[in-house]
Amino acid sequence: MTTYKIAHIHEQGQDLIIIPLDERFDYSTSDEKKAEVAAYLQRCSTSAGLKGHVVIVWPVGTQMKFLAPPAWHSFVRSLTLDMIYGLLNRELRCD
């Protein structure tokens, strides 16, 4: 079982589940695999009873990359990793 620290927030009338991953995610995973991981974490979140869209973020050098539904790109771009780390408020356990 893997445990993730997450930020489960309510923004613009909707719930978001922001899951920070470490920088290895960028280097060891193809874009297709990244999408599979996002879908897996969405299923895991739903199974845990969490409502909202999953957003995955990870550092690359001093920048942040993310996977999010297109409607949320502007909002996620307005965040920094430090802001996200400050929002962490739950844990998600996935099999």
Protein backbone atom coordinates (compact mmCIF):
# COMPACT_ATOMS: atom_id res chain seq x y z
CA MET A 1 0.00 0.00 0.00
CA THR A 2 1.31 3.44 -0.94
CA THR A 3 0.39 6.54 1.02
CA TYR A 4 0.32 9.99 -0.56
CA LYS A 5 0.04 13.33 1.22
CA ILE A 6 -2.60 15.30 -0.65
CA ALA A 7 -4.29 18.67 -0.70
CA HIS A 8 -8.05 18.18 -0.90
CA ILE A 9 -9.36 21.68 -1.61
CA HIS A 10 -12.51 23.42 -2.78
CA GLU A 11 -11.82 26.00 -5.48
CA GLN A 12 -14.16 27.82 -7.84
CA GLY A 13 -17.09 25.72 -6.65
CA GLN A 14 -15.39 22.37 -7.26
CA ASP A 15 -13.21 19.96 -5.34
CA LEU A 16 -9.62 19.26 -6.36
CA ILE A 17 -7.28 16.55 -5.11
CA ILE A 18 -3.72 17.77 -5.60
CA ILE A 19 -1.09 15.05 -5.28
CA PRO A 20 2.58 16.06 -5.25
CA LEU A 21 5.00 13.42 -6.51
CA ASP A 22 8.78 13.58 -6.45
CA GLU A 23 10.98 14.62 -9.38
CA ARG A 24 11.75 11.02 -10.37
CA PHE A 25 8.23 10.91 -11.82
CA ASP A 26 9.35 13.18 -14.66
CA TYR A 27 12.45 11.22 -15.57
CA SER A 28 11.21 7.67 -15.31
CA THR A 29 7.79 7.92 -16.88
CA SER A 30 6.54 8.51 -20.44
CA ASP A 31 3.62 10.87 -21.09
CA GLU A 32 1.36 7.87 -21.66
CA LYS A 33 2.43 6.34 -18.35
CA LYS A 34 1.89 9.67 -16.58
CA ALA A 35 -1.72 9.65 -17.82
CA GLU A 36 -2.12 6.06 -16.55
CA VAL A 37 -0.81 7.09 -13.12
CA ALA A 38 -3.23 10.03 -13.04
CA ALA A 39 -6.15 7.71 -13.90
CA TYR A 40 -5.02 5.23 -11.22
CA LEU A 41 -4.86 7.99 -8.59
CA GLN A 42 -8.30 9.23 -9.66
CA ARG A 43 -9.73 5.72 -9.17
CA CYS A 44 -7.96 5.41 -5.82
CA SER A 45 -9.32 8.78 -4.67
CA THR A 46 -12.84 7.86 -5.71
CA SER A 47 -12.56 4.50 -3.92
CA ALA A 48 -11.44 6.36 -0.78
CA GLY A 49 -14.61 8.45 -0.94
CA LEU A 50 -12.90 11.67 -2.05
CA LYS A 51 -14.71 13.84 -4.53
CA GLY A 52 -12.92 15.98 -7.06
CA HIS A 53 -10.53 16.03 -9.98
CA VAL A 54 -7.04 14.67 -9.39
CA VAL A 55 -4.17 17.00 -10.19
CA ILE A 56 -0.63 15.59 -10.11
CA VAL A 57 2.27 17.99 -9.59
CA TRP A 58 6.02 17.34 -9.45
CA PRO A 59 9.21 19.39 -9.38
CA VAL A 60 11.63 19.60 -12.28
CA GLY A 61 14.59 21.69 -11.20
CA THR A 62 13.12 24.92 -9.87
CA GLN A 63 9.95 24.55 -11.95
CA MET A 64 6.76 22.56 -11.44
CA LYS A 65 5.07 20.31 -13.97
CA PHE A 66 1.54 19.02 -13.64
CA LEU A 67 -1.23 16.90 -15.08
CA ALA A 68 -4.68 18.39 -14.66
CA PRO A 69 -7.94 18.68 -16.56
CA PRO A 70 -7.57 21.49 -19.13
CA ALA A 71 -10.11 23.69 -17.33
CA TRP A 72 -7.77 23.78 -14.31
CA HIS A 73 -4.49 24.64 -16.07
CA SER A 74 -4.66 28.38 -15.29
CA PHE A 75 -5.38 27.75 -11.64
CA VAL A 76 -2.61 25.16 -11.24
CA ARG A 77 -0.12 27.43 -13.03
CA SER A 78 -0.87 30.10 -10.42
CA LEU A 79 0.39 27.78 -7.66
CA THR A 80 3.91 27.03 -6.52
CA LEU A 81 5.11 23.81 -4.98
CA ASP A 82 5.58 25.62 -1.66
CA MET A 83 1.96 26.75 -1.78
CA ILE A 84 0.83 23.20 -2.51
CA TYR A 85 2.95 21.75 0.31
CA GLY A 86 1.28 24.28 2.62
CA LEU A 87 -2.15 23.03 1.52
CA LEU A 88 -1.49 19.34 2.29
CA ASN A 89 -4.29 18.29 4.61
CA ARG A 90 -4.97 14.58 4.11
CA GLU A 91 -3.45 11.25 3.28
CA LEU A 92 -4.55 8.93 0.49
CA ARG A 93 -3.77 5.22 0.72
CA CYS A 94 -3.75 3.24 -2.51
CA ASP A 95 -3.28 -0.48 -3.07
